[in-house]
Amino acid sequence: MAWRQLFLASCLSAAVLLTNVKQKIFMQESDASNFLKKRGKRSPKSRDEANAENRQKLRADELQREYYEEQRNEFENFVEEQNDEQEERSREAIEQWRQWHYDGLYPSYLYNRHHI
């Protein structure tokens, strides 16, 4: 029996919360119709209209920032791959040069020269 009372109390509190949230989310019908009316060019913007325009600008700025950040990351990855490939090619060339000029001494003959 106690669980039924608890269940009914929770349902009732949820219904009350939903009605409060509904009132905060939705505008009155008169405000909504006025919100979408075309205003004159010289008349000042309403606060809601200015806020909506500001939100649109902020969202556009955020999308642009994300786009340029993604482009920059792709370019940085491309440059890093190019540098890695160049480093690998030069390392291979150096290794080939060392194998060709190897004189059987370690370290190479440059360090084992006897000065007379």
PDB file of N, CA and C in Angstrom:
ATOM      1  N   MET A   1       0.824  -1.198   0.000  1.00  0.00           N
ATOM      2  CA  MET A   1       0.000   0.000   0.000  1.00  0.00           C
ATOM      3  C   MET A   1       0.867   1.262   0.000  1.00  0.00           C
ATOM      4  N   ALA A   2       1.991   1.208   0.714  1.00  0.00           N
ATOM      5  CA  ALA A   2       2.873   2.379   0.808  1.00  0.00           C
ATOM      6  C   ALA A   2       3.481   2.704  -0.559  1.00  0.00           C
ATOM      7  N   TRP A   3       3.794   1.689  -1.324  1.00  0.00           N
ATOM      8  CA  TRP A   3       4.400   1.952  -2.625  1.00  0.00           C
ATOM      9  C   TRP A   3       3.417   2.613  -3.573  1.00  0.00           C
ATOM     10  N   ARG A   4       2.108   2.321  -3.414  1.00  0.00           N
ATOM     11  CA  ARG A   4       1.095   2.986  -4.244  1.00  0.00           C
ATOM     12  C   ARG A   4       1.028   4.471  -3.917  1.00  0.00           C
ATOM     13  N   GLN A   5       1.068   4.769  -2.613  1.00  0.00           N
ATOM     14  CA  GLN A   5       1.024   6.178  -2.213  1.00  0.00           C
ATOM     15  C   GLN A   5       2.266   6.913  -2.720  1.00  0.00           C
ATOM     16  N   LEU A   6       3.404   6.260  -2.622  1.00  0.00           N
ATOM     17  CA  LEU A   6       4.637   6.863  -3.113  1.00  0.00           C
ATOM     18  C   LEU A   6       4.564   7.092  -4.626  1.00  0.00           C
ATOM     19  N   PHE A   7       4.025   6.116  -5.347  1.00  0.00           N
ATOM     20  CA  PHE A   7       3.884   6.226  -6.784  1.00  0.00           C
ATOM     21  C   PHE A   7       2.938   7.364  -7.162  1.00  0.00           C
ATOM     22  N   LEU A   8       1.789   7.454  -6.479  1.00  0.00           N
ATOM     23  CA  LEU A   8       0.832   8.525  -6.768  1.00  0.00           C
ATOM     24  C   LEU A   8       1.427   9.892  -6.447  1.00  0.00           C
ATOM     25  N   ALA A   9       2.174   9.974  -5.342  1.00  0.00           N
ATOM     26  CA  ALA A   9       2.792  11.253  -4.976  1.00  0.00           C
ATOM     27  C   ALA A   9       3.823  11.671  -6.019  1.00  0.00           C
ATOM     28  N   SER A  10       4.604  10.720  -6.504  1.00  0.00           N
ATOM     29  CA  SER A  10       5.609  11.059  -7.510  1.00  0.00           C
ATOM     30  C   SER A  10       4.944  11.465  -8.826  1.00  0.00           C
ATOM     31  N   CYS A  11       3.854  10.794  -9.216  1.00  0.00           N
ATOM     32  CA  CYS A  11       3.131  11.177 -10.432  1.00  0.00           C
ATOM     33  C   CYS A  11       2.540  12.575 -10.308  1.00  0.00           C
ATOM     34  N   LEU A  12       1.983  12.864  -9.148  1.00  0.00           N
ATOM     35  CA  LEU A  12       1.399  14.181  -8.928  1.00  0.00           C
ATOM     36  C   LEU A  12       2.470  15.267  -8.991  1.00  0.00           C
ATOM     37  N   SER A  13       3.613  15.025  -8.354  1.00  0.00           N
ATOM     38  CA  SER A  13       4.681  16.029  -8.378  1.00  0.00           C
ATOM     39  C   SER A  13       5.226  16.203  -9.798  1.00  0.00           C
ATOM     40  N   ALA A  14       5.300  15.117 -10.562  1.00  0.00           N
ATOM     41  CA  ALA A  14       5.761  15.227 -11.952  1.00  0.00           C
ATOM     42  C   ALA A  14       4.781  16.053 -12.777  1.00  0.00           C
ATOM     43  N   ALA A  15       3.489  15.852 -12.565  1.00  0.00           N
ATOM     44  CA  ALA A  15       2.482  16.618 -13.307  1.00  0.00           C
ATOM     45  C   ALA A  15       2.583  18.101 -12.973  1.00  0.00           C
ATOM     46  N   VAL A  16       2.788  18.424 -11.697  1.00  0.00           N
ATOM     47  CA  VAL A  16       2.918  19.831 -11.294  1.00  0.00           C
ATOM     48  C   VAL A  16       4.161  20.440 -11.922  1.00  0.00           C
ATOM     49  N   LEU A  17       5.272  19.703 -11.916  1.00  0.00           N
ATOM     50  CA  LEU A  17       6.498  20.224 -12.528  1.00  0.00           C
ATOM     51  C   LEU A  17       6.328  20.448 -14.024  1.00  0.00           C
ATOM     52  N   LEU A  18       5.640  19.539 -14.691  1.00  0.00           N
ATOM     53  CA  LEU A  18       5.438  19.695 -16.130  1.00  0.00           C
ATOM     54  C   LEU A  18       4.585  20.908 -16.460  1.00  0.00           C
ATOM     55  N   THR A  19       3.582  21.184 -15.648  1.00  0.00           N
ATOM     56  CA  THR A  19       2.757  22.369 -15.927  1.00  0.00           C
ATOM     57  C   THR A  19       3.572  23.638 -15.711  1.00  0.00           C
ATOM     58  N   ASN A  20       4.459  23.648 -14.702  1.00  0.00           N
ATOM     59  CA  ASN A  20       5.316  24.825 -14.487  1.00  0.00           C
ATOM     60  C   ASN A  20       6.291  25.003 -15.643  1.00  0.00           C
ATOM     61  N   VAL A  21       6.864  23.907 -16.110  1.00  0.00           N
ATOM     62  CA  VAL A  21       7.808  23.976 -17.228  1.00  0.00           C
ATOM     63  C   VAL A  21       7.093  24.430 -18.488  1.00  0.00           C
ATOM     64  N   LYS A  22       5.881  23.950 -18.703  1.00  0.00           N
ATOM     65  CA  LYS A  22       5.113  24.334 -19.884  1.00  0.00           C
ATOM     66  C   LYS A  22       4.872  25.835 -19.893  1.00  0.00           C
ATOM     67  N   GLN A  23       4.578  26.398 -18.742  1.00  0.00           N
ATOM     68  CA  GLN A  23       4.334  27.834 -18.679  1.00  0.00           C
ATOM     69  C   GLN A  23       5.604  28.618 -18.975  1.00  0.00           C
ATOM     70  N   LYS A  24       6.767  28.079 -18.600  1.00  0.00           N
ATOM     71  CA  LYS A  24       8.018  28.789 -18.857  1.00  0.00           C
ATOM     72  C   LYS A  24       8.463  28.659 -20.311  1.00  0.00           C
ATOM     73  N   ILE A  25       8.156  27.550 -20.947  1.00  0.00           N
ATOM     74  CA  ILE A  25       8.630  27.322 -22.316  1.00  0.00           C
ATOM     75  C   ILE A  25       7.766  28.039 -23.337  1.00  0.00           C
ATOM     76  N   PHE A  26       6.471  27.931 -23.234  1.00  0.00           N
ATOM     77  CA  PHE A  26       5.581  28.462 -24.256  1.00  0.00           C
ATOM     78  C   PHE A  26       5.129  29.871 -23.918  1.00  0.00           C
ATOM     79  N   MET A  27       4.983  30.697 -24.962  1.00  0.00           N
ATOM     80  CA  MET A  27       4.503  32.062 -24.795  1.00  0.00           C
ATOM     81  C   MET A  27       2.981  32.080 -24.782  1.00  0.00           C
ATOM     82  N   GLN A  28       2.464  33.176 -24.325  1.00  0.00           N
ATOM     83  CA  GLN A  28       1.029  33.392 -24.457  1.00  0.00           C
ATOM     84  C   GLN A  28       0.720  33.615 -25.946  1.00  0.00           C
ATOM     85  N   GLU A  29      -0.497  33.336 -26.330  1.00  0.00           N
ATOM     86  CA  GLU A  29      -0.859  33.434 -27.748  1.00  0.00           C
ATOM     87  C   GLU A  29      -0.712  34.860 -28.267  1.00  0.00           C
ATOM     88  N   SER A  30      -1.082  35.833 -27.469  1.00  0.00           N
ATOM     89  CA  SER A  30      -0.971  37.226 -27.907  1.00  0.00           C
ATOM     90  C   SER A  30       0.491  37.627 -28.093  1.00  0.00           C
ATOM     91  N   ASP A  31       1.374  37.172 -27.190  1.00  0.00           N
ATOM     92  CA  ASP A  31       2.796  37.483 -27.333  1.00  0.00           C
ATOM     93  C   ASP A  31       3.379  36.820 -28.569  1.00  0.00           C
ATOM     94  N   ALA A  32       2.945  35.595 -28.841  1.00  0.00           N
ATOM     95  CA  ALA A  32       3.474  34.869 -29.997  1.00  0.00           C
ATOM     96  C   ALA A  32       3.072  35.543 -31.298  1.00  0.00           C
ATOM     97  N   SER A  33       1.834  36.002 -31.394  1.00  0.00           N
ATOM     98  CA  SER A  33       1.409  36.651 -32.632  1.00  0.00           C
ATOM     99  C   SER A  33       2.128  37.983 -32.800  1.00  0.00           C
ATOM    100  N   ASN A  34       2.353  38.708 -31.712  1.00  0.00           N
ATOM    101  CA  ASN A  34       3.084  39.971 -31.800  1.00  0.00           C
ATOM    102  C   ASN A  34       4.558  39.741 -32.125  1.00  0.00           C
ATOM    103  N   PHE A  35       5.080  38.618 -31.682  1.00  0.00           N
ATOM    104  CA  PHE A  35       6.494  38.327 -31.896  1.00  0.00           C
ATOM    105  C   PHE A  35       6.813  38.169 -33.375  1.00  0.00           C
ATOM    106  N   LEU A  36       5.888  37.598 -34.134  1.00  0.00           N
ATOM    107  CA  LEU A  36       6.130  37.336 -35.543  1.00  0.00           C
ATOM    108  C   LEU A  36       5.650  38.457 -36.460  1.00  0.00           C
ATOM    109  N   LYS A  37       5.014  39.495 -35.919  1.00  0.00           N
ATOM    110  CA  LYS A  37       4.537  40.593 -36.758  1.00  0.00           C
ATOM    111  C   LYS A  37       5.706  41.355 -37.350  1.00  0.00           C
ATOM    112  N   LYS A  38       5.504  41.849 -38.559  1.00  0.00           N
ATOM    113  CA  LYS A  38       6.540  42.652 -39.189  1.00  0.00           C
ATOM    114  C   LYS A  38       6.514  44.027 -38.574  1.00  0.00           C
ATOM    115  N   ARG A  39       7.671  44.481 -38.180  1.00  0.00           N
ATOM    116  CA  ARG A  39       7.738  45.813 -37.573  1.00  0.00           C
ATOM    117  C   ARG A  39       8.319  46.788 -38.580  1.00  0.00           C
ATOM    118  N   GLY A  40       8.118  48.060 -38.318  1.00  0.00           N
ATOM    119  CA  GLY A  40       8.655  49.084 -39.205  1.00  0.00           C
ATOM    120  C   GLY A  40      10.167  49.125 -39.119  1.00  0.00           C
ATOM    121  N   LYS A  41      10.808  49.709 -40.155  1.00  0.00           N
ATOM    122  CA  LYS A  41      12.267  49.743 -40.183  1.00  0.00           C
ATOM    123  C   LYS A  41      12.840  50.606 -39.067  1.00  0.00           C
ATOM    124  N   ARG A  42      12.131  51.653 -38.710  1.00  0.00           N
ATOM    125  CA  ARG A  42      12.663  52.570 -37.701  1.00  0.00           C
ATOM    126  C   ARG A  42      12.252  52.217 -36.281  1.00  0.00           C
ATOM    127  N   SER A  43      11.323  51.310 -36.141  1.00  0.00           N
ATOM    128  CA  SER A  43      10.895  50.956 -34.789  1.00  0.00           C
ATOM    129  C   SER A  43      11.967  50.089 -34.126  1.00  0.00           C
ATOM    130  N   PRO A  44      12.173  50.278 -32.851  1.00  0.00           N
ATOM    131  CA  PRO A  44      13.230  49.510 -32.172  1.00  0.00           C
ATOM    132  C   PRO A  44      12.840  48.040 -32.045  1.00  0.00           C
ATOM    133  N   LYS A  45      13.860  47.197 -31.982  1.00  0.00           N
ATOM    134  CA  LYS A  45      13.611  45.767 -31.827  1.00  0.00           C
ATOM    135  C   LYS A  45      13.133  45.489 -30.412  1.00  0.00           C
ATOM    136  N   SER A  46      12.277  44.502 -30.323  1.00  0.00           N
ATOM    137  CA  SER A  46      11.880  44.072 -28.982  1.00  0.00           C
ATOM    138  C   SER A  46      13.036  43.281 -28.381  1.00  0.00           C
ATOM    139  N   ARG A  47      12.997  43.127 -27.083  1.00  0.00           N
ATOM    140  CA  ARG A  47      14.067  42.393 -26.405  1.00  0.00           C
ATOM    141  C   ARG A  47      14.132  40.941 -26.883  1.00  0.00           C
ATOM    142  N   ASP A  48      12.959  40.326 -27.069  1.00  0.00           N
ATOM    143  CA  ASP A  48      12.935  38.936 -27.541  1.00  0.00           C
ATOM    144  C   ASP A  48      13.533  38.825 -28.945  1.00  0.00           C
ATOM    145  N   GLU A  49      13.197  39.804 -29.794  1.00  0.00           N
ATOM    146  CA  GLU A  49      13.706  39.789 -31.156  1.00  0.00           C
ATOM    147  C   GLU A  49      15.227  39.974 -31.168  1.00  0.00           C
ATOM    148  N   ALA A  50      15.711  40.886 -30.337  1.00  0.00           N
ATOM    149  CA  ALA A  50      17.160  41.104 -30.252  1.00  0.00           C
ATOM    150  C   ALA A  50      17.864  39.875 -29.716  1.00  0.00           C
ATOM    151  N   ASN A  51      17.261  39.230 -28.723  1.00  0.00           N
ATOM    152  CA  ASN A  51      17.863  38.015 -28.157  1.00  0.00           C
ATOM    153  C   ASN A  51      17.902  36.893 -29.194  1.00  0.00           C
ATOM    154  N   ALA A  52      16.814  36.753 -29.960  1.00  0.00           N
ATOM    155  CA  ALA A  52      16.779  35.705 -30.982  1.00  0.00           C
ATOM    156  C   ALA A  52      17.843  35.966 -32.048  1.00  0.00           C
ATOM    157  N   GLU A  53      17.971  37.229 -32.465  1.00  0.00           N
ATOM    158  CA  GLU A  53      18.986  37.565 -33.466  1.00  0.00           C
ATOM    159  C   GLU A  53      20.391  37.331 -32.926  1.00  0.00           C
ATOM    160  N   ASN A  54      20.585  37.676 -31.659  1.00  0.00           N
ATOM    161  CA  ASN A  54      21.892  37.476 -31.026  1.00  0.00           C
ATOM    162  C   ASN A  54      22.235  35.992 -30.947  1.00  0.00           C
ATOM    163  N   ARG A  55      21.234  35.165 -30.619  1.00  0.00           N
ATOM    164  CA  ARG A  55      21.474  33.715 -30.558  1.00  0.00           C
ATOM    165  C   ARG A  55      21.870  33.171 -31.927  1.00  0.00           C
ATOM    166  N   GLN A  56      21.201  33.672 -32.975  1.00  0.00           N
ATOM    167  CA  GLN A  56      21.543  33.231 -34.331  1.00  0.00           C
ATOM    168  C   GLN A  56      22.974  33.609 -34.688  1.00  0.00           C
ATOM    169  N   LYS A  57      23.381  34.832 -34.345  1.00  0.00           N
ATOM    170  CA  LYS A  57      24.743  35.276 -34.644  1.00  0.00           C
ATOM    171  C   LYS A  57      25.764  34.445 -33.873  1.00  0.00           C
ATOM    172  N   LEU A  58      25.485  34.184 -32.602  1.00  0.00           N
ATOM    173  CA  LEU A  58      26.406  33.385 -31.792  1.00  0.00           C
ATOM    174  C   LEU A  58      26.537  31.972 -32.351  1.00  0.00           C
ATOM    175  N   ARG A  59      25.430  31.397 -32.794  1.00  0.00           N
ATOM    176  CA  ARG A  59      25.463  30.046 -33.357  1.00  0.00           C
ATOM    177  C   ARG A  59      26.263  30.033 -34.660  1.00  0.00           C
ATOM    178  N   ALA A  60      26.057  31.068 -35.500  1.00  0.00           N
ATOM    179  CA  ALA A  60      26.809  31.151 -36.758  1.00  0.00           C
ATOM    180  C   ALA A  60      28.307  31.300 -36.471  1.00  0.00           C
ATOM    181  N   ASP A  61      28.654  32.121 -35.484  1.00  0.00           N
ATOM    182  CA  ASP A  61      30.066  32.282 -35.109  1.00  0.00           C
ATOM    183  C   ASP A  61      30.656  30.972 -34.613  1.00  0.00           C
ATOM    184  N   GLU A  62      29.877  30.249 -33.819  1.00  0.00           N
ATOM    185  CA  GLU A  62      30.358  28.973 -33.288  1.00  0.00           C
ATOM    186  C   GLU A  62      30.587  27.963 -34.421  1.00  0.00           C
ATOM    187  N   LEU A  63      29.648  27.905 -35.378  1.00  0.00           N
ATOM    188  CA  LEU A  63      29.810  26.994 -36.513  1.00  0.00           C
ATOM    189  C   LEU A  63      31.029  27.358 -37.351  1.00  0.00           C
ATOM    190  N   GLN A  64      31.228  28.657 -37.558  1.00  0.00           N
ATOM    191  CA  GLN A  64      32.383  29.101 -38.328  1.00  0.00           C
ATOM    192  C   GLN A  64      33.679  28.757 -37.604  1.00  0.00           C
ATOM    193  N   ARG A  65      33.696  28.952 -36.294  1.00  0.00           N
ATOM    194  CA  ARG A  65      34.880  28.623 -35.498  1.00  0.00           C
ATOM    195  C   ARG A  65      35.186  27.124 -35.576  1.00  0.00           C
ATOM    196  N   GLU A  66      34.139  26.298 -35.471  1.00  0.00           N
ATOM    197  CA  GLU A  66      34.328  24.849 -35.570  1.00  0.00           C
ATOM    198  C   GLU A  66      34.858  24.467 -36.947  1.00  0.00           C
ATOM    199  N   TYR A  67      34.331  25.095 -38.000  1.00  0.00           N
ATOM    200  CA  TYR A  67      34.764  24.782 -39.355  1.00  0.00           C
ATOM    201  C   TYR A  67      36.246  25.103 -39.532  1.00  0.00           C
ATOM    202  N   TYR A  68      36.653  26.309 -39.122  1.00  0.00           N
ATOM    203  CA  TYR A  68      38.045  26.697 -39.300  1.00  0.00           C
ATOM    204  C   TYR A  68      38.976  25.878 -38.414  1.00  0.00           C
ATOM    205  N   GLU A  69      38.506  25.494 -37.246  1.00  0.00           N
ATOM    206  CA  GLU A  69      39.319  24.639 -36.382  1.00  0.00           C
ATOM    207  C   GLU A  69      39.532  23.268 -37.039  1.00  0.00           C
ATOM    208  N   GLU A  70      38.473  22.733 -37.636  1.00  0.00           N
ATOM    209  CA  GLU A  70      38.578  21.443 -38.329  1.00  0.00           C
ATOM    210  C   GLU A  70      39.530  21.551 -39.521  1.00  0.00           C
ATOM    211  N   GLN A  71      39.424  22.644 -40.292  1.00  0.00           N
ATOM    212  CA  GLN A  71      40.329  22.843 -41.429  1.00  0.00           C
ATOM    213  C   GLN A  71      41.776  22.941 -40.963  1.00  0.00           C
ATOM    214  N   ARG A  72      41.999  23.676 -39.878  1.00  0.00           N
ATOM    215  CA  ARG A  72      43.352  23.830 -39.353  1.00  0.00           C
ATOM    216  C   ARG A  72      43.911  22.489 -38.880  1.00  0.00           C
ATOM    217  N   ASN A  73      43.080  21.699 -38.203  1.00  0.00           N
ATOM    218  CA  ASN A  73      43.531  20.384 -37.743  1.00  0.00           C
ATOM    219  C   ASN A  73      43.879  19.470 -38.915  1.00  0.00           C
ATOM    220  N   GLU A  74      43.049  19.487 -39.958  1.00  0.00           N
ATOM    221  CA  GLU A  74      43.350  18.671 -41.133  1.00  0.00           C
ATOM    222  C   GLU A  74      44.657  19.097 -41.781  1.00  0.00           C
ATOM    223  N   PHE A  75      44.883  20.402 -41.886  1.00  0.00           N
ATOM    224  CA  PHE A  75      46.122  20.877 -42.498  1.00  0.00           C
ATOM    225  C   PHE A  75      47.322  20.515 -41.637  1.00  0.00           C
ATOM    226  N   GLU A  76      47.194  20.657 -40.311  1.00  0.00           N
ATOM    227  CA  GLU A  76      48.297  20.290 -39.422  1.00  0.00           C
ATOM    228  C   GLU A  76      48.623  18.803 -39.549  1.00  0.00           C
ATOM    229  N   ASN A  77      47.590  17.965 -39.656  1.00  0.00           N
ATOM    230  CA  ASN A  77      47.831  16.534 -39.839  1.00  0.00           C
ATOM    231  C   ASN A  77      48.531  16.265 -41.169  1.00  0.00           C
ATOM    232  N   PHE A  78      48.109  16.964 -42.224  1.00  0.00           N
ATOM    233  CA  PHE A  78      48.735  16.803 -43.533  1.00  0.00           C
ATOM    234  C   PHE A  78      50.207  17.191 -43.473  1.00  0.00           C
ATOM    235  N   VAL A  79      50.493  18.340 -42.853  1.00  0.00           N
ATOM    236  CA  VAL A  79      51.880  18.808 -42.760  1.00  0.00           C
ATOM    237  C   VAL A  79      52.711  17.829 -41.936  1.00  0.00           C
ATOM    238  N   GLU A  80      52.141  17.325 -40.859  1.00  0.00           N
ATOM    239  CA  GLU A  80      52.861  16.366 -40.026  1.00  0.00           C
ATOM    240  C   GLU A  80      53.180  15.087 -40.816  1.00  0.00           C
ATOM    241  N   GLU A  81      52.225  14.616 -41.603  1.00  0.00           N
ATOM    242  CA  GLU A  81      52.479  13.428 -42.432  1.00  0.00           C
ATOM    243  C   GLU A  81      53.570  13.708 -43.462  1.00  0.00           C
ATOM    244  N   GLN A  82      53.526  14.874 -44.086  1.00  0.00           N
ATOM    245  CA  GLN A  82      54.552  15.225 -45.069  1.00  0.00           C
ATOM    246  C   GLN A  82      55.929  15.265 -44.422  1.00  0.00           C
ATOM    247  N   ASN A  83      56.018  15.884 -43.244  1.00  0.00           N
ATOM    248  CA  ASN A  83      57.301  15.967 -42.544  1.00  0.00           C
ATOM    249  C   ASN A  83      57.800  14.577 -42.154  1.00  0.00           C
ATOM    250  N   ASP A  84      56.891  13.721 -41.714  1.00  0.00           N
ATOM    251  CA  ASP A  84      57.279  12.353 -41.353  1.00  0.00           C
ATOM    252  C   ASP A  84      57.823  11.597 -42.574  1.00  0.00           C
ATOM    253  N   GLU A  85      57.139  11.757 -43.715  1.00  0.00           N
ATOM    254  CA  GLU A  85      57.600  11.093 -44.932  1.00  0.00           C
ATOM    255  C   GLU A  85      58.968  11.607 -45.352  1.00  0.00           C
ATOM    256  N   GLN A  86      59.154  12.930 -45.284  1.00  0.00           N
ATOM    257  CA  GLN A  86      60.448  13.514 -45.660  1.00  0.00           C
ATOM    258  C   GLN A  86      61.541  13.027 -44.719  1.00  0.00           C
ATOM    259  N   GLU A  87      61.236  12.977 -43.443  1.00  0.00           N
ATOM    260  CA  GLU A  87      62.213  12.501 -42.461  1.00  0.00           C
ATOM    261  C   GLU A  87      62.574  11.039 -42.719  1.00  0.00           C
ATOM    262  N   GLU A  88      61.571  10.237 -43.065  1.00  0.00           N
ATOM    263  CA  GLU A  88      61.815   8.820 -43.365  1.00  0.00           C
ATOM    264  C   GLU A  88      62.704   8.677 -44.602  1.00  0.00           C
ATOM    265  N   ARG A  89      62.420   9.471 -45.651  1.00  0.00           N
ATOM    266  CA  ARG A  89      63.241   9.407 -46.862  1.00  0.00           C
ATOM    267  C   ARG A  89      64.682   9.823 -46.577  1.00  0.00           C
ATOM    268  N   SER A  90      64.862  10.894 -45.822  1.00  0.00           N
ATOM    269  CA  SER A  90      66.233  11.338 -45.534  1.00  0.00           C
ATOM    270  C   SER A  90      66.944  10.331 -44.638  1.00  0.00           C
ATOM    271  N   ARG A  91      66.225   9.713 -43.703  1.00  0.00           N
ATOM    272  CA  ARG A  91      66.835   8.705 -42.842  1.00  0.00           C
ATOM    273  C   ARG A  91      67.285   7.499 -43.672  1.00  0.00           C
ATOM    274  N   GLU A  92      66.428   7.098 -44.628  1.00  0.00           N
ATOM    275  CA  GLU A  92      66.810   5.985 -45.503  1.00  0.00           C
ATOM    276  C   GLU A  92      68.022   6.337 -46.344  1.00  0.00           C
ATOM    277  N   ALA A  93      68.068   7.568 -46.858  1.00  0.00           N
ATOM    278  CA  ALA A  93      69.216   7.983 -47.672  1.00  0.00           C
ATOM    279  C   ALA A  93      70.483   7.996 -46.838  1.00  0.00           C
ATOM    280  N   ILE A  94      70.407   8.484 -45.632  1.00  0.00           N
ATOM    281  CA  ILE A  94      71.576   8.508 -44.747  1.00  0.00           C
ATOM    282  C   ILE A  94      72.027   7.086 -44.429  1.00  0.00           C
ATOM    283  N   GLU A  95      71.066   6.219 -44.181  1.00  0.00           N
ATOM    284  CA  GLU A  95      71.395   4.822 -43.885  1.00  0.00           C
ATOM    285  C   GLU A  95      72.068   4.160 -45.085  1.00  0.00           C
ATOM    286  N   GLN A  96      71.577   4.444 -46.289  1.00  0.00           N
ATOM    287  CA  GLN A  96      72.214   3.887 -47.486  1.00  0.00           C
ATOM    288  C   GLN A  96      73.634   4.423 -47.659  1.00  0.00           C
ATOM    289  N   TRP A  97      73.820   5.712 -47.412  1.00  0.00           N
ATOM    290  CA  TRP A  97      75.143   6.309 -47.517  1.00  0.00           C
ATOM    291  C   TRP A  97      76.092   5.651 -46.522  1.00  0.00           C
ATOM    292  N   ARG A  98      75.612   5.427 -45.296  1.00  0.00           N
ATOM    293  CA  ARG A  98      76.451   4.794 -44.277  1.00  0.00           C
ATOM    294  C   ARG A  98      76.816   3.370 -44.669  1.00  0.00           C
ATOM    295  N   GLN A  99      75.875   2.621 -45.230  1.00  0.00           N
ATOM    296  CA  GLN A  99      76.177   1.259 -45.659  1.00  0.00           C
ATOM    297  C   GLN A  99      77.189   1.262 -46.806  1.00  0.00           C
ATOM    298  N   TRP A 100      77.079   2.200 -47.732  1.00  0.00           N
ATOM    299  CA  TRP A 100      77.989   2.253 -48.869  1.00  0.00           C
ATOM    300  C   TRP A 100      79.399   2.619 -48.427  1.00  0.00           C
ATOM    301  N   HIS A 101      79.494   3.546 -47.479  1.00  0.00           N
ATOM    302  CA  HIS A 101      80.801   4.047 -47.056  1.00  0.00           C
ATOM    303  C   HIS A 101      81.339   3.335 -45.822  1.00  0.00           C
ATOM    304  N   TYR A 102      80.720   2.249 -45.410  1.00  0.00           N
ATOM    305  CA  TYR A 102      81.162   1.555 -44.210  1.00  0.00           C
ATOM    306  C   TYR A 102      82.520   0.921 -44.463  1.00  0.00           C
ATOM    307  N   ASP A 103      83.469   1.145 -43.542  1.00  0.00           N
ATOM    308  CA  ASP A 103      84.826   0.644 -43.738  1.00  0.00           C
ATOM    309  C   ASP A 103      85.157  -0.532 -42.825  1.00  0.00           C
ATOM    310  N   GLY A 104      84.159  -1.092 -42.162  1.00  0.00           N
ATOM    311  CA  GLY A 104      84.399  -2.242 -41.297  1.00  0.00           C
ATOM    312  C   GLY A 104      84.795  -1.865 -39.891  1.00  0.00           C
ATOM    313  N   LEU A 105      85.017  -0.619 -39.649  1.00  0.00           N
ATOM    314  CA  LEU A 105      85.372  -0.170 -38.303  1.00  0.00           C
ATOM    315  C   LEU A 105      84.145   0.440 -37.641  1.00  0.00           C
ATOM    316  N   TYR A 106      84.114   0.285 -36.337  1.00  0.00           N
ATOM    317  CA  TYR A 106      83.011   0.926 -35.624  1.00  0.00           C
ATOM    318  C   TYR A 106      83.591   1.681 -34.467  1.00  0.00           C
ATOM    319  N   PRO A 107      83.324   2.899 -34.260  1.00  0.00           N
ATOM    320  CA  PRO A 107      82.624   3.805 -35.166  1.00  0.00           C
ATOM    321  C   PRO A 107      83.421   4.003 -36.447  1.00  0.00           C
ATOM    322  N   SER A 108      82.871   4.730 -37.368  1.00  0.00           N
ATOM    323  CA  SER A 108      83.430   4.775 -38.720  1.00  0.00           C
ATOM    324  C   SER A 108      84.838   5.355 -38.719  1.00  0.00           C
ATOM    325  N   TYR A 109      85.453   5.259 -39.902  1.00  0.00           N
ATOM    326  CA  TYR A 109      86.863   5.610 -40.027  1.00  0.00           C
ATOM    327  C   TYR A 109      87.151   7.050 -39.633  1.00  0.00           C
ATOM    328  N   LEU A 110      86.168   7.934 -39.707  1.00  0.00           N
ATOM    329  CA  LEU A 110      86.414   9.335 -39.377  1.00  0.00           C
ATOM    330  C   LEU A 110      86.891   9.482 -37.935  1.00  0.00           C
ATOM    331  N   TYR A 111      86.381   8.595 -37.070  1.00  0.00           N
ATOM    332  CA  TYR A 111      86.743   8.698 -35.663  1.00  0.00           C
ATOM    333  C   TYR A 111      88.002   7.885 -35.341  1.00  0.00           C
ATOM    334  N   ASN A 112      88.429   6.999 -36.261  1.00  0.00           N
ATOM    335  CA  ASN A 112      89.564   6.119 -35.985  1.00  0.00           C
ATOM    336  C   ASN A 112      90.830   6.526 -36.748  1.00  0.00           C
ATOM    337  N   ARG A 113      90.845   7.687 -37.286  1.00  0.00           N
ATOM    338  CA  ARG A 113      92.029   8.124 -38.005  1.00  0.00           C
ATOM    339  C   ARG A 113      93.170   8.328 -37.022  1.00  0.00           C
ATOM    340  N   HIS A 114      94.340   7.904 -37.447  1.00  0.00           N
ATOM    341  CA  HIS A 114      95.542   8.150 -36.631  1.00  0.00           C
ATOM    342  C   HIS A 114      96.262   9.354 -37.194  1.00  0.00           C
ATOM    343  N   HIS A 115      96.404  10.330 -36.344  1.00  0.00           N
ATOM    344  CA  HIS A 115      97.080  11.552 -36.790  1.00  0.00           C
ATOM    345  C   HIS A 115      98.583  11.353 -36.660  1.00  0.00           C
ATOM    346  N   ILE A 116      99.301  11.623 -37.714  1.00  0.00           N
ATOM    347  CA  ILE A 116     100.761  11.454 -37.705  1.00  0.00           C
ATOM    348  C   ILE A 116     101.426  12.781 -37.408  1.00  0.00           C
TER     349      ILE A 116
END
